[in-house]
């Protein structure tokens, strides 16, 4: 199935379950609630407790497609917690900001 097709399937599942797909950021991390999030972006600081929580959420969240840590300050222990969560996540399609990748690729050409 094409990459766009998965997004359509996820939207359909959310519509059927009554949950709304949403773009998330620092506010959801602070509240420790990424329920229904298809992306988490624009985080500045997550802290150790939230990094451990987010690592666990990465293993359990079937909807999350993008996690952008581009401008996020994390420590060594936080990175370990996130790495463990990433290892257990088979649904995440992108780690990072898509526009950052496009800017990097276009700068090389």
N, C-alpha and C. Protein backbone atom coordinates (compact mmCIF):
# COMPACT_ATOMS: atom_id res chain seq x y z
N UNK A 1 0.84 -1.18 0.00
CA UNK A 1 0.00 0.00 0.00
C UNK A 1 0.88 1.23 0.00
N UNK A 2 0.50 2.21 -0.79
CA UNK A 2 1.28 3.45 -0.85
C UNK A 2 1.25 4.15 0.49
N UNK A 3 2.27 5.00 0.72
CA UNK A 3 2.37 5.69 2.00
C UNK A 3 1.13 6.54 2.28
N UNK A 4 0.60 7.23 1.28
CA UNK A 4 -0.61 8.01 1.46
C UNK A 4 -1.81 7.15 1.79
N UNK A 5 -1.79 5.90 1.33
CA UNK A 5 -2.88 4.97 1.61
C UNK A 5 -2.99 4.63 3.08
N UNK A 6 -1.86 4.49 3.74
CA UNK A 6 -1.86 4.21 5.18
C UNK A 6 -2.49 5.35 5.96
N UNK A 7 -2.21 6.57 5.53
CA UNK A 7 -2.79 7.73 6.20
C UNK A 7 -4.31 7.71 6.06
N UNK A 8 -4.80 7.33 4.88
CA UNK A 8 -6.25 7.25 4.65
C UNK A 8 -6.86 6.16 5.53
N UNK A 9 -6.19 5.04 5.65
CA UNK A 9 -6.68 3.95 6.50
C UNK A 9 -6.72 4.40 7.95
N UNK A 10 -5.67 5.08 8.41
CA UNK A 10 -5.64 5.58 9.79
C UNK A 10 -6.77 6.57 10.04
N UNK A 11 -7.03 7.45 9.08
CA UNK A 11 -8.11 8.42 9.22
C UNK A 11 -9.46 7.71 9.29
N UNK A 12 -9.63 6.66 8.48
CA UNK A 12 -10.87 5.90 8.49
C UNK A 12 -11.07 5.19 9.82
N UNK A 13 -10.02 4.59 10.34
CA UNK A 13 -10.10 3.92 11.64
C UNK A 13 -10.49 4.92 12.72
N UNK A 14 -9.86 6.10 12.69
CA UNK A 14 -10.18 7.12 13.68
C UNK A 14 -11.62 7.58 13.56
N UNK A 15 -12.10 7.74 12.34
CA UNK A 15 -13.48 8.17 12.14
C UNK A 15 -14.45 7.13 12.68
N UNK A 16 -14.13 5.87 12.48
CA UNK A 16 -15.01 4.79 12.94
C UNK A 16 -15.00 4.64 14.46
N UNK A 17 -13.88 4.96 15.08
CA UNK A 17 -13.79 4.82 16.54
C UNK A 17 -14.18 6.10 17.26
N UNK A 18 -14.44 7.16 16.52
CA UNK A 18 -14.83 8.41 17.15
C UNK A 18 -13.66 9.23 17.66
N UNK A 19 -12.44 8.82 17.37
CA UNK A 19 -11.26 9.54 17.79
C UNK A 19 -10.79 10.39 16.63
N UNK A 20 -10.36 11.61 16.93
CA UNK A 20 -9.92 12.52 15.87
C UNK A 20 -8.40 12.51 15.77
N UNK A 21 -7.89 12.30 14.56
CA UNK A 21 -6.44 12.37 14.33
C UNK A 21 -6.02 13.82 14.50
N UNK A 22 -4.87 14.02 15.14
CA UNK A 22 -4.45 15.39 15.38
C UNK A 22 -2.95 15.52 15.36
N UNK A 23 -2.51 16.73 15.08
CA UNK A 23 -1.11 17.09 15.15
C UNK A 23 -0.85 17.53 16.58
N UNK A 24 0.23 17.07 17.18
CA UNK A 24 0.49 17.36 18.59
C UNK A 24 1.86 17.99 18.78
N UNK A 25 2.09 18.52 19.97
CA UNK A 25 3.35 19.18 20.26
C UNK A 25 3.65 19.24 21.75
N UNK A 26 4.28 20.32 22.17
CA UNK A 26 4.73 20.48 23.55
C UNK A 26 3.58 20.36 24.55
N UNK A 27 2.42 20.91 24.22
CA UNK A 27 1.28 20.88 25.14
C UNK A 27 0.89 19.44 25.49
N UNK A 28 0.84 18.57 24.49
CA UNK A 28 0.47 17.16 24.73
C UNK A 28 1.55 16.43 25.50
N UNK A 29 2.81 16.75 25.23
CA UNK A 29 3.90 16.14 25.98
C UNK A 29 3.82 16.55 27.44
N UNK A 30 3.57 17.84 27.70
CA UNK A 30 3.44 18.33 29.07
C UNK A 30 2.28 17.67 29.80
N UNK A 31 1.17 17.42 29.08
CA UNK A 31 0.01 16.75 29.67
C UNK A 31 0.16 15.24 29.71
N UNK A 32 1.19 14.73 29.06
CA UNK A 32 1.43 13.29 28.90
C UNK A 32 0.20 12.59 28.31
N UNK A 33 -0.26 13.13 27.17
CA UNK A 33 -1.39 12.55 26.47
C UNK A 33 -1.22 12.75 24.97
N UNK A 34 -0.79 11.70 24.27
CA UNK A 34 -0.66 11.77 22.82
C UNK A 34 -1.71 10.87 22.15
N UNK A 35 -2.81 10.65 22.84
CA UNK A 35 -3.91 9.86 22.30
C UNK A 35 -4.42 10.51 21.03
N UNK A 36 -4.47 9.76 19.94
CA UNK A 36 -4.98 10.26 18.67
C UNK A 36 -3.98 11.07 17.87
N UNK A 37 -2.76 11.22 18.35
CA UNK A 37 -1.77 12.02 17.64
C UNK A 37 -1.17 11.23 16.48
N UNK A 38 -1.14 11.85 15.30
CA UNK A 38 -0.46 11.24 14.16
C UNK A 38 0.95 11.82 14.03
N UNK A 39 1.20 12.96 14.65
CA UNK A 39 2.55 13.52 14.68
C UNK A 39 2.74 14.29 15.98
N UNK A 40 3.99 14.30 16.43
CA UNK A 40 4.37 15.11 17.59
C UNK A 40 5.55 15.95 17.14
N UNK A 41 5.35 17.27 17.15
CA UNK A 41 6.36 18.22 16.66
C UNK A 41 6.46 19.41 17.59
N UNK A 42 7.45 20.21 17.35
CA UNK A 42 7.64 21.49 18.04
C UNK A 42 7.80 21.33 19.55
N UNK A 43 8.58 20.34 19.93
CA UNK A 43 8.91 20.17 21.34
C UNK A 43 10.24 20.85 21.60
N UNK A 44 10.35 21.55 22.71
CA UNK A 44 11.61 22.18 23.05
C UNK A 44 12.34 21.40 24.13
N UNK A 45 11.61 20.95 25.11
CA UNK A 45 12.21 20.24 26.23
C UNK A 45 11.22 19.21 26.74
N UNK A 46 11.67 17.98 26.93
CA UNK A 46 10.73 16.98 27.42
C UNK A 46 11.08 16.48 28.82
N UNK A 47 12.30 16.64 29.27
CA UNK A 47 12.66 16.21 30.62
C UNK A 47 12.74 14.69 30.72
N UNK A 48 13.40 14.22 31.76
CA UNK A 48 13.63 12.77 31.88
C UNK A 48 12.33 12.00 32.10
N UNK A 49 11.48 12.47 33.00
CA UNK A 49 10.23 11.75 33.28
C UNK A 49 9.37 11.66 32.02
N UNK A 50 9.30 12.74 31.27
CA UNK A 50 8.50 12.73 30.05
C UNK A 50 9.16 11.90 28.95
N UNK A 51 10.49 11.85 28.93
CA UNK A 51 11.19 11.03 27.93
C UNK A 51 10.91 9.55 28.18
N UNK A 52 10.93 9.15 29.45
CA UNK A 52 10.61 7.75 29.80
C UNK A 52 9.17 7.46 29.42
N UNK A 53 8.25 8.38 29.74
CA UNK A 53 6.85 8.21 29.39
C UNK A 53 6.68 8.11 27.87
N UNK A 54 7.34 9.02 27.13
CA UNK A 54 7.22 9.02 25.67
C UNK A 54 7.79 7.72 25.08
N UNK A 55 8.87 7.21 25.65
CA UNK A 55 9.43 5.93 25.20
C UNK A 55 8.40 4.81 25.32
N UNK A 56 7.68 4.77 26.43
CA UNK A 56 6.63 3.77 26.61
C UNK A 56 5.49 4.00 25.62
N UNK A 57 5.13 5.25 25.39
CA UNK A 57 4.05 5.57 24.46
C UNK A 57 4.40 5.17 23.03
N UNK A 58 5.66 5.29 22.66
CA UNK A 58 6.08 4.90 21.31
C UNK A 58 5.81 3.43 21.05
N UNK A 59 5.93 2.61 22.08
CA UNK A 59 5.67 1.17 21.93
C UNK A 59 4.18 0.89 21.77
N UNK A 60 3.32 1.75 22.34
CA UNK A 60 1.89 1.47 22.42
C UNK A 60 1.04 2.24 21.42
N UNK A 61 1.58 3.29 20.81
CA UNK A 61 0.78 4.17 19.95
C UNK A 61 0.80 3.65 18.51
N UNK A 62 -0.36 3.21 18.03
CA UNK A 62 -0.48 2.67 16.68
C UNK A 62 -0.73 3.75 15.63
N UNK A 63 -1.00 4.98 16.04
CA UNK A 63 -1.35 6.04 15.10
C UNK A 63 -0.20 6.96 14.77
N UNK A 64 0.76 7.07 15.67
CA UNK A 64 1.84 8.04 15.51
C UNK A 64 2.69 7.71 14.30
N UNK A 65 2.75 8.65 13.35
CA UNK A 65 3.52 8.46 12.12
C UNK A 65 4.81 9.27 12.10
N UNK A 66 4.82 10.43 12.78
CA UNK A 66 5.98 11.31 12.74
C UNK A 66 6.33 11.77 14.15
N UNK A 67 7.59 11.67 14.49
CA UNK A 67 8.11 12.20 15.75
C UNK A 67 9.27 13.11 15.40
N UNK A 68 9.11 14.38 15.67
CA UNK A 68 10.13 15.38 15.34
C UNK A 68 10.87 15.79 16.60
N UNK A 69 12.12 15.39 16.70
CA UNK A 69 12.96 15.76 17.84
C UNK A 69 14.03 16.77 17.43
N UNK A 70 13.82 17.41 16.29
CA UNK A 70 14.83 18.29 15.70
C UNK A 70 15.32 19.38 16.65
N UNK A 71 14.42 20.07 17.33
CA UNK A 71 14.79 21.17 18.22
C UNK A 71 14.63 20.80 19.69
N UNK A 72 14.53 19.52 19.98
CA UNK A 72 14.27 19.07 21.34
C UNK A 72 15.57 18.79 22.07
N UNK A 73 15.70 19.40 23.24
CA UNK A 73 16.89 19.15 24.07
C UNK A 73 16.64 17.91 24.92
N UNK A 74 17.51 16.91 24.77
CA UNK A 74 17.38 15.69 25.56
C UNK A 74 18.75 15.29 26.07
N UNK A 75 18.76 14.61 27.20
CA UNK A 75 19.99 14.12 27.78
C UNK A 75 20.28 12.69 27.35
N UNK A 76 21.41 12.16 27.79
CA UNK A 76 21.80 10.80 27.41
C UNK A 76 20.79 9.75 27.86
N UNK A 77 20.35 9.84 29.12
CA UNK A 77 19.38 8.87 29.63
C UNK A 77 18.05 8.99 28.90
N UNK A 78 17.69 10.23 28.54
CA UNK A 78 16.46 10.45 27.79
C UNK A 78 16.55 9.78 26.42
N UNK A 79 17.69 9.91 25.78
CA UNK A 79 17.90 9.30 24.45
C UNK A 79 17.79 7.79 24.54
N UNK A 80 18.28 7.21 25.62
CA UNK A 80 18.19 5.76 25.80
C UNK A 80 16.72 5.34 25.92
N UNK A 81 15.94 6.08 26.71
CA UNK A 81 14.51 5.77 26.87
C UNK A 81 13.77 5.87 25.54
N UNK A 82 14.07 6.92 24.78
CA UNK A 82 13.43 7.10 23.48
C UNK A 82 13.85 6.01 22.50
N UNK A 83 15.12 5.63 22.53
CA UNK A 83 15.62 4.58 21.63
C UNK A 83 14.93 3.25 21.91
N UNK A 84 14.71 2.94 23.18
CA UNK A 84 14.00 1.70 23.52
C UNK A 84 12.57 1.73 22.99
N UNK A 85 11.94 2.90 23.08
CA UNK A 85 10.58 3.04 22.55
C UNK A 85 10.56 2.92 21.04
N UNK A 86 11.55 3.50 20.38
CA UNK A 86 11.62 3.43 18.92
C UNK A 86 11.84 2.01 18.44
N UNK A 87 12.64 1.24 19.18
CA UNK A 87 12.88 -0.15 18.80
C UNK A 87 11.59 -0.96 18.82
N UNK A 88 10.68 -0.61 19.73
CA UNK A 88 9.43 -1.34 19.86
C UNK A 88 8.30 -0.80 19.01
N UNK A 89 8.55 0.24 18.22
CA UNK A 89 7.50 0.87 17.42
C UNK A 89 7.65 0.47 15.96
N UNK A 90 6.62 -0.16 15.43
CA UNK A 90 6.65 -0.58 14.02
C UNK A 90 5.80 0.33 13.14
N UNK A 91 5.11 1.30 13.72
CA UNK A 91 4.18 2.15 12.98
C UNK A 91 4.80 3.48 12.56
N UNK A 92 5.82 3.94 13.25
CA UNK A 92 6.40 5.25 12.98
C UNK A 92 7.05 5.25 11.61
N UNK A 93 6.67 6.22 10.78
CA UNK A 93 7.20 6.31 9.41
C UNK A 93 8.36 7.29 9.31
N UNK A 94 8.37 8.30 10.17
CA UNK A 94 9.36 9.35 10.02
C UNK A 94 9.81 9.85 11.39
N UNK A 95 11.10 9.94 11.55
CA UNK A 95 11.69 10.52 12.75
C UNK A 95 12.39 11.80 12.31
N UNK A 96 11.77 12.93 12.55
CA UNK A 96 12.32 14.21 12.13
C UNK A 96 11.31 15.00 11.35
N UNK A 97 11.64 16.23 11.07
CA UNK A 97 10.77 17.14 10.34
C UNK A 97 10.95 16.97 8.85
N UNK A 98 9.88 16.66 8.09
CA UNK A 98 10.01 16.46 6.64
C UNK A 98 10.64 17.64 5.92
N UNK A 99 10.29 18.88 6.31
CA UNK A 99 10.84 20.05 5.64
C UNK A 99 12.35 20.17 5.87
N UNK A 100 12.82 19.72 7.02
CA UNK A 100 14.26 19.77 7.29
C UNK A 100 15.00 18.84 6.31
N UNK A 101 14.43 17.67 6.04
CA UNK A 101 15.04 16.75 5.09
C UNK A 101 15.06 17.34 3.71
N UNK A 102 13.95 17.97 3.30
CA UNK A 102 13.87 18.57 1.96
C UNK A 102 14.89 19.68 1.80
N UNK A 103 15.05 20.49 2.84
CA UNK A 103 16.02 21.59 2.77
C UNK A 103 17.44 21.05 2.67
N UNK A 104 17.72 19.97 3.39
CA UNK A 104 19.06 19.36 3.34
C UNK A 104 19.33 18.79 1.96
N UNK A 105 18.36 18.09 1.39
CA UNK A 105 18.55 17.49 0.08
C UNK A 105 18.70 18.54 -1.01
N UNK A 106 17.89 19.61 -0.94
CA UNK A 106 17.98 20.63 -1.98
C UNK A 106 19.29 21.43 -1.87
N UNK A 107 19.84 21.54 -0.67
CA UNK A 107 21.09 22.27 -0.49
C UNK A 107 22.26 21.51 -1.13
N UNK A 108 22.15 20.19 -1.19
CA UNK A 108 23.23 19.38 -1.78
C UNK A 108 23.23 19.45 -3.29
N UNK A 109 22.07 19.69 -3.89
CA UNK A 109 21.95 19.67 -5.35
C UNK A 109 22.41 20.94 -5.97
